[in-house]
Amino acid sequence: MKLYEPAMRHLIDNYIRAEDSEVISHLDDISLIDLVESKGAAAEDDLPPATKRKRENVAEAIENNVRKLIIEETPVNPRFYEKMSELLKNVRVTDGPGA
């Protein structure tokens, strides 16, 4: 691969560009779960515009954050978080498309 490295570097430098990053949310050190807990329904106002447009996106973001919390906290209280995981699965099944 060393033989091709200068040519690959030339191609990357000349033909691949990226725009500057853009901050889409200022959640900083607070998780989405903490945000929802502290602000209730008004937490939706702090979400990026693209996320707010579709309720499914908001639901998916909340689900992913709850799942992350369950994974992180399971060692602390396994029985409680296993039950929470089961409840999350049941909510997803009953509230999913076509329900």
PDB file of N, CA and C in Angstrom:
ATOM      1  N   MET A   1       0.814  -1.197   0.000  1.00  0.00           N
ATOM      2  CA  MET A   1       0.000   0.000   0.000  1.00  0.00           C
ATOM      3  C   MET A   1       0.859   1.264   0.000  1.00  0.00           C
ATOM      4  N   LYS A   2       2.067   1.162   0.518  1.00  0.00           N
ATOM      5  CA  LYS A   2       2.950   2.335   0.557  1.00  0.00           C
ATOM      6  C   LYS A   2       3.166   2.911  -0.833  1.00  0.00           C
ATOM      7  N   LEU A   3       3.210   2.066  -1.832  1.00  0.00           N
ATOM      8  CA  LEU A   3       3.437   2.494  -3.207  1.00  0.00           C
ATOM      9  C   LEU A   3       2.319   3.427  -3.691  1.00  0.00           C
ATOM     10  N   TYR A   4       1.083   3.166  -3.253  1.00  0.00           N
ATOM     11  CA  TYR A   4      -0.072   3.941  -3.718  1.00  0.00           C
ATOM     12  C   TYR A   4      -0.390   5.155  -2.840  1.00  0.00           C
ATOM     13  N   GLU A   5       0.245   5.241  -1.689  1.00  0.00           N
ATOM     14  CA  GLU A   5      -0.097   6.297  -0.741  1.00  0.00           C
ATOM     15  C   GLU A   5       0.017   7.711  -1.314  1.00  0.00           C
ATOM     16  N   PRO A   6       1.097   8.094  -1.989  1.00  0.00           N
ATOM     17  CA  PRO A   6       1.167   9.463  -2.524  1.00  0.00           C
ATOM     18  C   PRO A   6       0.047   9.768  -3.532  1.00  0.00           C
ATOM     19  N   ALA A   7      -0.276   8.804  -4.368  1.00  0.00           N
ATOM     20  CA  ALA A   7      -1.330   9.013  -5.359  1.00  0.00           C
ATOM     21  C   ALA A   7      -2.696   9.130  -4.675  1.00  0.00           C
ATOM     22  N   MET A   8      -2.936   8.293  -3.667  1.00  0.00           N
ATOM     23  CA  MET A   8      -4.203   8.373  -2.936  1.00  0.00           C
ATOM     24  C   MET A   8      -4.300   9.707  -2.207  1.00  0.00           C
ATOM     25  N   ARG A   9      -3.218  10.146  -1.591  1.00  0.00           N
ATOM     26  CA  ARG A   9      -3.211  11.431  -0.896  1.00  0.00           C
ATOM     27  C   ARG A   9      -3.528  12.563  -1.867  1.00  0.00           C
ATOM     28  N   HIS A  10      -2.935  12.506  -3.076  1.00  0.00           N
ATOM     29  CA  HIS A  10      -3.187  13.522  -4.096  1.00  0.00           C
ATOM     30  C   HIS A  10      -4.672  13.545  -4.481  1.00  0.00           C
ATOM     31  N   LEU A  11      -5.264  12.375  -4.698  1.00  0.00           N
ATOM     32  CA  LEU A  11      -6.680  12.294  -5.052  1.00  0.00           C
ATOM     33  C   LEU A  11      -7.571  12.850  -3.934  1.00  0.00           C
ATOM     34  N   ILE A  12      -7.255  12.458  -2.708  1.00  0.00           N
ATOM     35  CA  ILE A  12      -8.054  12.932  -1.570  1.00  0.00           C
ATOM     36  C   ILE A  12      -7.947  14.438  -1.429  1.00  0.00           C
ATOM     37  N   ASP A  13      -6.734  14.953  -1.485  1.00  0.00           N
ATOM     38  CA  ASP A  13      -6.526  16.392  -1.306  1.00  0.00           C
ATOM     39  C   ASP A  13      -7.182  17.223  -2.402  1.00  0.00           C
ATOM     40  N   ASN A  14      -7.222  16.707  -3.617  1.00  0.00           N
ATOM     41  CA  ASN A  14      -7.731  17.487  -4.739  1.00  0.00           C
ATOM     42  C   ASN A  14      -9.208  17.277  -5.060  1.00  0.00           C
ATOM     43  N   TYR A  15      -9.758  16.128  -4.707  1.00  0.00           N
ATOM     44  CA  TYR A  15     -11.109  15.825  -5.186  1.00  0.00           C
ATOM     45  C   TYR A  15     -12.154  15.564  -4.090  1.00  0.00           C
ATOM     46  N   ILE A  16     -11.732  15.509  -2.858  1.00  0.00           N
ATOM     47  CA  ILE A  16     -12.696  15.248  -1.787  1.00  0.00           C
ATOM     48  C   ILE A  16     -12.755  16.467  -0.880  1.00  0.00           C
ATOM     49  N   ARG A  17     -13.974  16.953  -0.689  1.00  0.00           N
ATOM     50  CA  ARG A  17     -14.195  18.118   0.158  1.00  0.00           C
ATOM     51  C   ARG A  17     -15.295  17.818   1.162  1.00  0.00           C
ATOM     52  N   ALA A  18     -15.234  18.533   2.253  1.00  0.00           N
ATOM     53  CA  ALA A  18     -16.300  18.453   3.262  1.00  0.00           C
ATOM     54  C   ALA A  18     -16.611  19.857   3.732  1.00  0.00           C
ATOM     55  N   GLU A  19     -17.872  20.098   3.950  1.00  0.00           N
ATOM     56  CA  GLU A  19     -18.279  21.395   4.477  1.00  0.00           C
ATOM     57  C   GLU A  19     -18.000  21.428   5.968  1.00  0.00           C
ATOM     58  N   ASP A  20     -17.916  22.618   6.517  1.00  0.00           N
ATOM     59  CA  ASP A  20     -17.715  22.756   7.954  1.00  0.00           C
ATOM     60  C   ASP A  20     -18.875  22.108   8.692  1.00  0.00           C
ATOM     61  N   SER A  21     -18.587  21.608   9.877  1.00  0.00           N
ATOM     62  CA  SER A  21     -19.642  20.985  10.668  1.00  0.00           C
ATOM     63  C   SER A  21     -20.629  22.043  11.142  1.00  0.00           C
ATOM     64  N   GLU A  22     -21.838  21.588  11.413  1.00  0.00           N
ATOM     65  CA  GLU A  22     -22.911  22.487  11.827  1.00  0.00           C
ATOM     66  C   GLU A  22     -23.526  21.955  13.116  1.00  0.00           C
ATOM     67  N   VAL A  23     -23.628  22.799  14.116  1.00  0.00           N
ATOM     68  CA  VAL A  23     -24.247  22.407  15.382  1.00  0.00           C
ATOM     69  C   VAL A  23     -25.756  22.344  15.159  1.00  0.00           C
ATOM     70  N   ILE A  24     -26.339  21.169  15.431  1.00  0.00           N
ATOM     71  CA  ILE A  24     -27.781  21.026  15.227  1.00  0.00           C
ATOM     72  C   ILE A  24     -28.547  20.996  16.535  1.00  0.00           C
ATOM     73  N   SER A  25     -27.833  20.862  17.641  1.00  0.00           N
ATOM     74  CA  SER A  25     -28.503  20.834  18.929  1.00  0.00           C
ATOM     75  C   SER A  25     -27.504  21.199  20.018  1.00  0.00           C
ATOM     76  N   HIS A  26     -27.961  21.895  21.020  1.00  0.00           N
ATOM     77  CA  HIS A  26     -27.106  22.290  22.132  1.00  0.00           C
ATOM     78  C   HIS A  26     -27.479  21.518  23.392  1.00  0.00           C
ATOM     79  N   LEU A  27     -27.435  20.202  23.328  1.00  0.00           N
ATOM     80  CA  LEU A  27     -27.779  19.396  24.493  1.00  0.00           C
ATOM     81  C   LEU A  27     -26.608  19.279  25.463  1.00  0.00           C
ATOM     82  N   ASP A  28     -25.401  19.573  25.001  1.00  0.00           N
ATOM     83  CA  ASP A  28     -24.186  19.553  25.821  1.00  0.00           C
ATOM     84  C   ASP A  28     -24.101  18.293  26.663  1.00  0.00           C
ATOM     85  N   ASP A  29     -24.047  18.447  27.979  1.00  0.00           N
ATOM     86  CA  ASP A  29     -23.847  17.297  28.860  1.00  0.00           C
ATOM     87  C   ASP A  29     -25.149  16.685  29.369  1.00  0.00           C
ATOM     88  N   ILE A  30     -26.278  17.102  28.830  1.00  0.00           N
ATOM     89  CA  ILE A  30     -27.562  16.582  29.285  1.00  0.00           C
ATOM     90  C   ILE A  30     -28.082  15.561  28.280  1.00  0.00           C
ATOM     91  N   SER A  31     -28.579  14.459  28.776  1.00  0.00           N
ATOM     92  CA  SER A  31     -29.131  13.453  27.866  1.00  0.00           C
ATOM     93  C   SER A  31     -30.547  13.860  27.474  1.00  0.00           C
ATOM     94  N   LEU A  32     -31.046  13.256  26.421  1.00  0.00           N
ATOM     95  CA  LEU A  32     -32.403  13.545  25.974  1.00  0.00           C
ATOM     96  C   LEU A  32     -33.415  13.168  27.047  1.00  0.00           C
ATOM     97  N   ILE A  33     -33.150  12.090  27.770  1.00  0.00           N
ATOM     98  CA  ILE A  33     -34.050  11.654  28.834  1.00  0.00           C
ATOM     99  C   ILE A  33     -34.125  12.720  29.925  1.00  0.00           C
ATOM    100  N   ASP A  34     -32.960  13.254  30.327  1.00  0.00           N
ATOM    101  CA  ASP A  34     -32.952  14.316  31.341  1.00  0.00           C
ATOM    102  C   ASP A  34     -33.669  15.558  30.832  1.00  0.00           C
ATOM    103  N   LEU A  35     -33.485  15.861  29.557  1.00  0.00           N
ATOM    104  CA  LEU A  35     -34.139  17.024  28.965  1.00  0.00           C
ATOM    105  C   LEU A  35     -35.661  16.862  28.989  1.00  0.00           C
ATOM    106  N   VAL A  36     -36.145  15.697  28.595  1.00  0.00           N
ATOM    107  CA  VAL A  36     -37.584  15.439  28.585  1.00  0.00           C
ATOM    108  C   VAL A  36     -38.122  15.475  30.014  1.00  0.00           C
ATOM    109  N   GLU A  37     -37.359  14.910  30.945  1.00  0.00           N
ATOM    110  CA  GLU A  37     -37.788  14.895  32.338  1.00  0.00           C
ATOM    111  C   GLU A  37     -37.891  16.318  32.897  1.00  0.00           C
ATOM    112  N   SER A  38     -36.944  17.178  32.545  1.00  0.00           N
ATOM    113  CA  SER A  38     -36.945  18.527  33.098  1.00  0.00           C
ATOM    114  C   SER A  38     -37.921  19.465  32.395  1.00  0.00           C
ATOM    115  N   LYS A  39     -38.120  19.283  31.072  1.00  0.00           N
ATOM    116  CA  LYS A  39     -38.956  20.220  30.317  1.00  0.00           C
ATOM    117  C   LYS A  39     -40.300  19.656  29.884  1.00  0.00           C
ATOM    118  N   GLY A  40     -40.471  18.378  29.983  1.00  0.00           N
ATOM    119  CA  GLY A  40     -41.723  17.769  29.541  1.00  0.00           C
ATOM    120  C   GLY A  40     -41.895  17.911  28.038  1.00  0.00           C
ATOM    121  N   ALA A  41     -43.096  18.201  27.582  1.00  0.00           N
ATOM    122  CA  ALA A  41     -43.399  18.304  26.152  1.00  0.00           C
ATOM    123  C   ALA A  41     -42.656  19.451  25.490  1.00  0.00           C
ATOM    124  N   ALA A  42     -42.259  20.467  26.261  1.00  0.00           N
ATOM    125  CA  ALA A  42     -41.524  21.609  25.699  1.00  0.00           C
ATOM    126  C   ALA A  42     -40.125  21.209  25.239  1.00  0.00           C
ATOM    127  N   ALA A  43     -39.649  20.027  25.613  1.00  0.00           N
ATOM    128  CA  ALA A  43     -38.323  19.556  25.195  1.00  0.00           C
ATOM    129  C   ALA A  43     -38.241  19.429  23.682  1.00  0.00           C
ATOM    130  N   GLU A  44     -39.375  19.205  23.042  1.00  0.00           N
ATOM    131  CA  GLU A  44     -39.403  19.068  21.587  1.00  0.00           C
ATOM    132  C   GLU A  44     -38.914  20.342  20.906  1.00  0.00           C
ATOM    133  N   ASP A  45     -39.090  21.483  21.553  1.00  0.00           N
ATOM    134  CA  ASP A  45     -38.652  22.754  20.980  1.00  0.00           C
ATOM    135  C   ASP A  45     -37.138  22.839  20.831  1.00  0.00           C
ATOM    136  N   ASP A  46     -36.389  22.090  21.654  1.00  0.00           N
ATOM    137  CA  ASP A  46     -34.926  22.115  21.601  1.00  0.00           C
ATOM    138  C   ASP A  46     -34.348  21.135  20.588  1.00  0.00           C
ATOM    139  N   LEU A  47     -35.191  20.353  19.949  1.00  0.00           N
ATOM    140  CA  LEU A  47     -34.705  19.398  18.956  1.00  0.00           C
ATOM    141  C   LEU A  47     -34.424  20.097  17.636  1.00  0.00           C
ATOM    142  N   PRO A  48     -33.507  19.547  16.829  1.00  0.00           N
ATOM    143  CA  PRO A  48     -33.229  20.130  15.517  1.00  0.00           C
ATOM    144  C   PRO A  48     -34.486  20.171  14.652  1.00  0.00           C
ATOM    145  N   PRO A  49     -34.618  21.181  13.776  1.00  0.00           N
ATOM    146  CA  PRO A  49     -35.828  21.327  12.938  1.00  0.00           C
ATOM    147  C   PRO A  49     -36.155  20.073  12.127  1.00  0.00           C
ATOM    148  N   ALA A  50     -35.152  19.414  11.569  1.00  0.00           N
ATOM    149  CA  ALA A  50     -35.411  18.212  10.762  1.00  0.00           C
ATOM    150  C   ALA A  50     -36.019  17.106  11.613  1.00  0.00           C
ATOM    151  N   THR A  51     -35.617  17.014  12.859  1.00  0.00           N
ATOM    152  CA  THR A  51     -36.150  15.985  13.751  1.00  0.00           C
ATOM    153  C   THR A  51     -37.584  16.307  14.152  1.00  0.00           C
ATOM    154  N   LYS A  52     -37.874  17.584  14.383  1.00  0.00           N
ATOM    155  CA  LYS A  52     -39.212  17.981  14.824  1.00  0.00           C
ATOM    156  C   LYS A  52     -40.277  17.768  13.759  1.00  0.00           C
ATOM    157  N   ARG A  53     -39.879  17.774  12.494  1.00  0.00           N
ATOM    158  CA  ARG A  53     -40.868  17.672  11.419  1.00  0.00           C
ATOM    159  C   ARG A  53     -41.630  16.353  11.434  1.00  0.00           C
ATOM    160  N   LYS A  54     -40.993  15.298  11.866  1.00  0.00           N
ATOM    161  CA  LYS A  54     -41.660  13.995  11.868  1.00  0.00           C
ATOM    162  C   LYS A  54     -41.744  13.465  13.289  1.00  0.00           C
ATOM    163  N   ARG A  55     -42.931  13.166  13.725  1.00  0.00           N
ATOM    164  CA  ARG A  55     -43.137  12.648  15.080  1.00  0.00           C
ATOM    165  C   ARG A  55     -42.412  11.313  15.258  1.00  0.00           C
ATOM    166  N   GLU A  56     -42.295  10.534  14.163  1.00  0.00           N
ATOM    167  CA  GLU A  56     -41.590   9.255  14.255  1.00  0.00           C
ATOM    168  C   GLU A  56     -40.131   9.476  14.628  1.00  0.00           C
ATOM    169  N   ASN A  57     -39.522  10.550  14.109  1.00  0.00           N
ATOM    170  CA  ASN A  57     -38.129  10.851  14.434  1.00  0.00           C
ATOM    171  C   ASN A  57     -37.975  11.162  15.917  1.00  0.00           C
ATOM    172  N   VAL A  58     -38.919  11.928  16.453  1.00  0.00           N
ATOM    173  CA  VAL A  58     -38.879  12.273  17.871  1.00  0.00           C
ATOM    174  C   VAL A  58     -39.022  11.004  18.705  1.00  0.00           C
ATOM    175  N   ALA A  59     -39.975  10.163  18.340  1.00  0.00           N
ATOM    176  CA  ALA A  59     -40.192   8.907  19.072  1.00  0.00           C
ATOM    177  C   ALA A  59     -38.955   8.021  19.001  1.00  0.00           C
ATOM    178  N   GLU A  60     -38.331   7.955  17.840  1.00  0.00           N
ATOM    179  CA  GLU A  60     -37.135   7.124  17.690  1.00  0.00           C
ATOM    180  C   GLU A  60     -35.977   7.668  18.517  1.00  0.00           C
ATOM    181  N   ALA A  61     -35.828   8.980  18.563  1.00  0.00           N
ATOM    182  CA  ALA A  61     -34.762   9.591  19.367  1.00  0.00           C
ATOM    183  C   ALA A  61     -34.968   9.287  20.845  1.00  0.00           C
ATOM    184  N   ILE A  62     -36.214   9.386  21.300  1.00  0.00           N
ATOM    185  CA  ILE A  62     -36.508   9.078  22.704  1.00  0.00           C
ATOM    186  C   ILE A  62     -36.250   7.606  22.980  1.00  0.00           C
ATOM    187  N   GLU A  63     -36.705   6.746  22.088  1.00  0.00           N
ATOM    188  CA  GLU A  63     -36.497   5.305  22.269  1.00  0.00           C
ATOM    189  C   GLU A  63     -35.013   4.966  22.347  1.00  0.00           C
ATOM    190  N   ASN A  64     -34.220   5.533  21.450  1.00  0.00           N
ATOM    191  CA  ASN A  64     -32.782   5.256  21.449  1.00  0.00           C
ATOM    192  C   ASN A  64     -32.111   5.730  22.735  1.00  0.00           C
ATOM    193  N   ASN A  65     -32.534   6.879  23.243  1.00  0.00           N
ATOM    194  CA  ASN A  65     -31.953   7.384  24.482  1.00  0.00           C
ATOM    195  C   ASN A  65     -32.370   6.552  25.685  1.00  0.00           C
ATOM    196  N   VAL A  66     -33.614   6.093  25.703  1.00  0.00           N
ATOM    197  CA  VAL A  66     -34.059   5.222  26.787  1.00  0.00           C
ATOM    198  C   VAL A  66     -33.292   3.908  26.731  1.00  0.00           C
ATOM    199  N   ARG A  67     -33.126   3.361  25.536  1.00  0.00           N
ATOM    200  CA  ARG A  67     -32.387   2.108  25.383  1.00  0.00           C
ATOM    201  C   ARG A  67     -30.939   2.267  25.879  1.00  0.00           C
ATOM    202  N   LYS A  68     -30.313   3.390  25.552  1.00  0.00           N
ATOM    203  CA  LYS A  68     -28.940   3.656  26.002  1.00  0.00           C
ATOM    204  C   LYS A  68     -28.888   3.718  27.529  1.00  0.00           C
ATOM    205  N   LEU A  69     -29.856   4.410  28.118  1.00  0.00           N
ATOM    206  CA  LEU A  69     -29.917   4.505  29.571  1.00  0.00           C
ATOM    207  C   LEU A  69     -30.084   3.124  30.199  1.00  0.00           C
ATOM    208  N   ILE A  70     -30.933   2.300  29.627  1.00  0.00           N
ATOM    209  CA  ILE A  70     -31.148   0.942  30.139  1.00  0.00           C
ATOM    210  C   ILE A  70     -29.850   0.148  30.097  1.00  0.00           C
ATOM    211  N   ILE A  71     -29.131   0.229  28.987  1.00  0.00           N
ATOM    212  CA  ILE A  71     -27.871  -0.511  28.845  1.00  0.00           C
ATOM    213  C   ILE A  71     -26.851  -0.039  29.875  1.00  0.00           C
ATOM    214  N   GLU A  72     -26.756   1.278  30.061  1.00  0.00           N
ATOM    215  CA  GLU A  72     -25.770   1.825  31.002  1.00  0.00           C
ATOM    216  C   GLU A  72     -26.102   1.497  32.452  1.00  0.00           C
ATOM    217  N   GLU A  73     -27.381   1.477  32.798  1.00  0.00           N
ATOM    218  CA  GLU A  73     -27.781   1.331  34.194  1.00  0.00           C
ATOM    219  C   GLU A  73     -28.126  -0.103  34.609  1.00  0.00           C
ATOM    220  N   THR A  74     -28.200  -1.030  33.678  1.00  0.00           N
ATOM    221  CA  THR A  74     -28.556  -2.411  34.016  1.00  0.00           C
ATOM    222  C   THR A  74     -27.649  -3.009  35.098  1.00  0.00           C
ATOM    223  N   PRO A  75     -26.330  -2.792  35.060  1.00  0.00           N
ATOM    224  CA  PRO A  75     -25.497  -3.366  36.130  1.00  0.00           C
ATOM    225  C   PRO A  75     -25.861  -2.853  37.530  1.00  0.00           C
ATOM    226  N   VAL A  76     -26.418  -1.662  37.628  1.00  0.00           N
ATOM    227  CA  VAL A  76     -26.772  -1.081  38.919  1.00  0.00           C
ATOM    228  C   VAL A  76     -28.008  -1.760  39.510  1.00  0.00           C
ATOM    229  N   ASN A  77     -29.006  -1.995  38.666  1.00  0.00           N
ATOM    230  CA  ASN A  77     -30.265  -2.585  39.130  1.00  0.00           C
ATOM    231  C   ASN A  77     -30.820  -3.475  38.017  1.00  0.00           C
ATOM    232  N   PRO A  78     -30.275  -4.679  37.854  1.00  0.00           N
ATOM    233  CA  PRO A  78     -30.644  -5.534  36.718  1.00  0.00           C
ATOM    234  C   PRO A  78     -32.134  -5.837  36.593  1.00  0.00           C
ATOM    235  N   ARG A  79     -32.799  -6.151  37.682  1.00  0.00           N
ATOM    236  CA  ARG A  79     -34.218  -6.523  37.588  1.00  0.00           C
ATOM    237  C   ARG A  79     -35.065  -5.355  37.097  1.00  0.00           C
ATOM    238  N   PHE A  80     -34.821  -4.167  37.644  1.00  0.00           N
ATOM    239  CA  PHE A  80     -35.583  -2.990  37.257  1.00  0.00           C
ATOM    240  C   PHE A  80     -35.384  -2.676  35.776  1.00  0.00           C
ATOM    241  N   TYR A  81     -34.128  -2.656  35.325  1.00  0.00           N
ATOM    242  CA  TYR A  81     -33.863  -2.269  33.945  1.00  0.00           C
ATOM    243  C   TYR A  81     -34.216  -3.360  32.935  1.00  0.00           C
ATOM    244  N   GLU A  82     -34.229  -4.625  33.371  1.00  0.00           N
ATOM    245  CA  GLU A  82     -34.743  -5.678  32.490  1.00  0.00           C
ATOM    246  C   GLU A  82     -36.244  -5.478  32.268  1.00  0.00           C
ATOM    247  N   LYS A  83     -36.945  -5.095  33.338  1.00  0.00           N
ATOM    248  CA  LYS A  83     -38.382  -4.809  33.224  1.00  0.00           C
ATOM    249  C   LYS A  83     -38.610  -3.590  32.325  1.00  0.00           C
ATOM    250  N   MET A  84     -37.772  -2.551  32.495  1.00  0.00           N
ATOM    251  CA  MET A  84     -37.875  -1.359  31.649  1.00  0.00           C
ATOM    252  C   MET A  84     -37.646  -1.719  30.184  1.00  0.00           C
ATOM    253  N   SER A  85     -36.685  -2.587  29.934  1.00  0.00           N
ATOM    254  CA  SER A  85     -36.401  -3.024  28.567  1.00  0.00           C
ATOM    255  C   SER A  85     -37.599  -3.751  27.973  1.00  0.00           C
ATOM    256  N   GLU A  86     -38.225  -4.599  28.772  1.00  0.00           N
ATOM    257  CA  GLU A  86     -39.412  -5.327  28.318  1.00  0.00           C
ATOM    258  C   GLU A  86     -40.559  -4.356  28.023  1.00  0.00           C
ATOM    259  N   LEU A  87     -40.742  -3.367  28.881  1.00  0.00           N
ATOM    260  CA  LEU A  87     -41.783  -2.361  28.657  1.00  0.00           C
ATOM    261  C   LEU A  87     -41.526  -1.576  27.379  1.00  0.00           C
ATOM    262  N   LEU A  88     -40.277  -1.234  27.140  1.00  0.00           N
ATOM    263  CA  LEU A  88     -39.922  -0.498  25.927  1.00  0.00           C
ATOM    264  C   LEU A  88     -40.233  -1.331  24.683  1.00  0.00           C
ATOM    265  N   LYS A  89     -39.931  -2.621  24.734  1.00  0.00           N
ATOM    266  CA  LYS A  89     -40.255  -3.497  23.599  1.00  0.00           C
ATOM    267  C   LYS A  89     -41.765  -3.545  23.363  1.00  0.00           C
ATOM    268  N   ASN A  90     -42.536  -3.638  24.441  1.00  0.00           N
ATOM    269  CA  ASN A  90     -43.990  -3.706  24.327  1.00  0.00           C
ATOM    270  C   ASN A  90     -44.577  -2.416  23.776  1.00  0.00           C
ATOM    271  N   VAL A  91     -44.047  -1.280  24.179  1.00  0.00           N
ATOM    272  CA  VAL A  91     -44.523   0.006  23.664  1.00  0.00           C
ATOM    273  C   VAL A  91     -44.252   0.082  22.178  1.00  0.00           C
ATOM    274  N   ARG A  92     -43.088  -0.345  21.758  1.00  0.00           N
ATOM    275  CA  ARG A  92     -42.702  -0.304  20.343  1.00  0.00           C
ATOM    276  C   ARG A  92     -43.620  -1.200  19.516  1.00  0.00           C
ATOM    277  N   VAL A  93     -43.971  -2.352  20.037  1.00  0.00           N
ATOM    278  CA  VAL A  93     -44.815  -3.283  19.301  1.00  0.00           C
ATOM    279  C   VAL A  93     -46.240  -2.746  19.189  1.00  0.00           C
ATOM    280  N   THR A  94     -46.785  -2.200  20.280  1.00  0.00           N
ATOM    281  CA  THR A  94     -48.177  -1.749  20.255  1.00  0.00           C
ATOM    282  C   THR A  94     -48.358  -0.397  19.596  1.00  0.00           C
ATOM    283  N   ASP A  95     -47.323   0.454  19.582  1.00  0.00           N
ATOM    284  CA  ASP A  95     -47.452   1.769  18.980  1.00  0.00           C
ATOM    285  C   ASP A  95     -46.820   1.854  17.592  1.00  0.00           C
ATOM    286  N   GLY A  96     -46.337   0.751  17.079  1.00  0.00           N
ATOM    287  CA  GLY A  96     -45.668   0.764  15.790  1.00  0.00           C
ATOM    288  C   GLY A  96     -46.634   0.995  14.652  1.00  0.00           C
ATOM    289  N   PRO A  97     -46.113   1.113  13.432  1.00  0.00           N
ATOM    290  CA  PRO A  97     -46.961   1.319  12.256  1.00  0.00           C
ATOM    291  C   PRO A  97     -47.977   0.195  12.105  1.00  0.00           C
ATOM    292  N   GLY A  98     -49.168   0.572  11.782  1.00  0.00           N
ATOM    293  CA  GLY A  98     -50.220  -0.414  11.546  1.00  0.00           C
ATOM    294  C   GLY A  98     -50.935  -0.863  12.799  1.00  0.00           C
ATOM    295  N   ALA A  99     -50.541  -0.311  13.970  1.00  0.00           N
ATOM    296  CA  ALA A  99     -51.173  -0.721  15.231  1.00  0.00           C
ATOM    297  C   ALA A  99     -52.484   0.017  15.424  1.00  0.00           C
TER     298      ALA A  99
END
